[in-house]
């Protein structure tokens, strides 16, 4: 089952299950579209892969599933030292 992480791993912006702004890599690292496009240049800092839009979930199990996942925040340092 796809892990629906509730926030961007870089900037901590909320990414609810119905968000069109969520992007994931093949290992389900989760980032917002702005961070993927402007900070990470479409390259996952964890695995080196690219990103795709996260599927939208609106099912009845979502409230129960979302309570299982805690936010993961790891702001990434770029080569120039900024985040």
Protein backbone atom coordinates (compact mmCIF):
# COMPACT_ATOMS: atom_id res chain seq x y z
CA UNK A 1 0.00 0.00 0.00
CA UNK A 2 1.27 3.47 -0.87
CA UNK A 3 2.48 5.41 2.17
CA UNK A 4 0.78 8.81 2.13
CA UNK A 5 3.22 11.04 3.96
CA UNK A 6 1.41 14.15 5.18
CA UNK A 7 4.09 16.77 4.47
CA UNK A 8 6.93 17.69 2.12
CA UNK A 9 10.22 16.22 3.36
CA UNK A 10 12.06 19.43 2.52
CA UNK A 11 9.83 22.39 3.46
CA UNK A 12 7.20 20.67 5.65
CA UNK A 13 4.24 22.02 3.61
CA UNK A 14 1.05 20.03 4.17
CA UNK A 15 0.29 17.42 1.47
CA UNK A 16 -3.12 15.92 2.29
CA UNK A 17 -4.24 12.77 0.42
CA UNK A 18 -6.18 14.80 -2.17
CA UNK A 19 -3.27 17.19 -2.90
CA UNK A 20 -2.36 17.71 -6.54
CA UNK A 21 0.93 19.22 -5.36
CA UNK A 22 2.48 16.01 -3.95
CA UNK A 23 5.34 14.29 -5.81
CA UNK A 24 6.89 10.91 -4.99
CA UNK A 25 9.89 8.92 -6.21
CA UNK A 26 9.95 5.14 -6.63
CA UNK A 27 10.77 4.76 -2.90
CA UNK A 28 7.82 6.99 -1.92
CA UNK A 29 9.96 9.91 -0.77
CA UNK A 30 7.44 12.74 -0.70
CA UNK A 31 7.99 16.36 -1.69
CA UNK A 32 5.84 19.26 -2.87
CA UNK A 33 5.93 20.28 -6.54
CA UNK A 34 7.70 23.57 -5.73
CA UNK A 35 10.61 21.83 -3.97
CA UNK A 36 10.87 19.19 -6.71
CA UNK A 37 10.98 21.79 -9.47
CA UNK A 38 12.91 24.65 -7.87
CA UNK A 39 15.12 23.08 -5.20
CA UNK A 40 15.71 19.43 -6.14
CA UNK A 41 15.61 19.81 -9.95
CA UNK A 42 13.49 16.64 -10.23
CA UNK A 43 16.17 14.44 -8.64
CA UNK A 44 15.41 12.67 -5.36
CA UNK A 45 18.15 13.43 -2.81
CA UNK A 46 17.61 10.01 -1.20
CA UNK A 47 17.76 7.66 -4.18
CA UNK A 48 18.72 9.79 -7.20
CA UNK A 49 15.53 8.93 -9.08
CA UNK A 50 12.94 11.22 -10.63
CA UNK A 51 9.51 12.19 -9.37
CA UNK A 52 5.93 11.61 -10.48
CA UNK A 53 2.66 13.08 -9.17
CA UNK A 54 1.41 11.10 -6.17
CA UNK A 55 -1.92 9.37 -6.86
CA UNK A 56 -4.88 11.10 -5.25
CA UNK A 57 -6.70 9.22 -2.50
CA UNK A 58 -10.16 10.07 -1.28
CA UNK A 59 -11.26 6.69 0.07
CA UNK A 60 -12.91 6.01 3.40
CA UNK A 61 -9.74 4.47 4.89
CA UNK A 62 -7.75 7.68 4.55
CA UNK A 63 -8.37 9.12 8.07
CA UNK A 64 -7.25 5.87 9.66
CA UNK A 65 -4.23 5.51 7.37
CA UNK A 66 -3.09 9.11 7.74
CA UNK A 67 -2.94 8.73 11.52
CA UNK A 68 -0.34 5.97 11.04
CA UNK A 69 2.16 8.13 9.17
CA UNK A 70 4.22 10.76 10.85
CA UNK A 71 5.73 13.68 8.98
CA UNK A 72 9.29 13.21 7.76
CA UNK A 73 11.27 16.45 7.61
CA UNK A 74 14.83 16.44 6.27
CA UNK A 75 15.67 19.80 4.63
CA UNK A 76 18.38 19.12 2.08
CA UNK A 77 21.57 21.12 1.72
CA UNK A 78 22.35 22.10 -1.82
CA UNK A 79 25.88 22.23 -3.23
CA UNK A 80 25.98 25.98 -2.59
CA UNK A 81 25.11 25.42 1.09
CA UNK A 82 21.54 26.76 1.02
CA UNK A 83 18.38 24.82 1.87
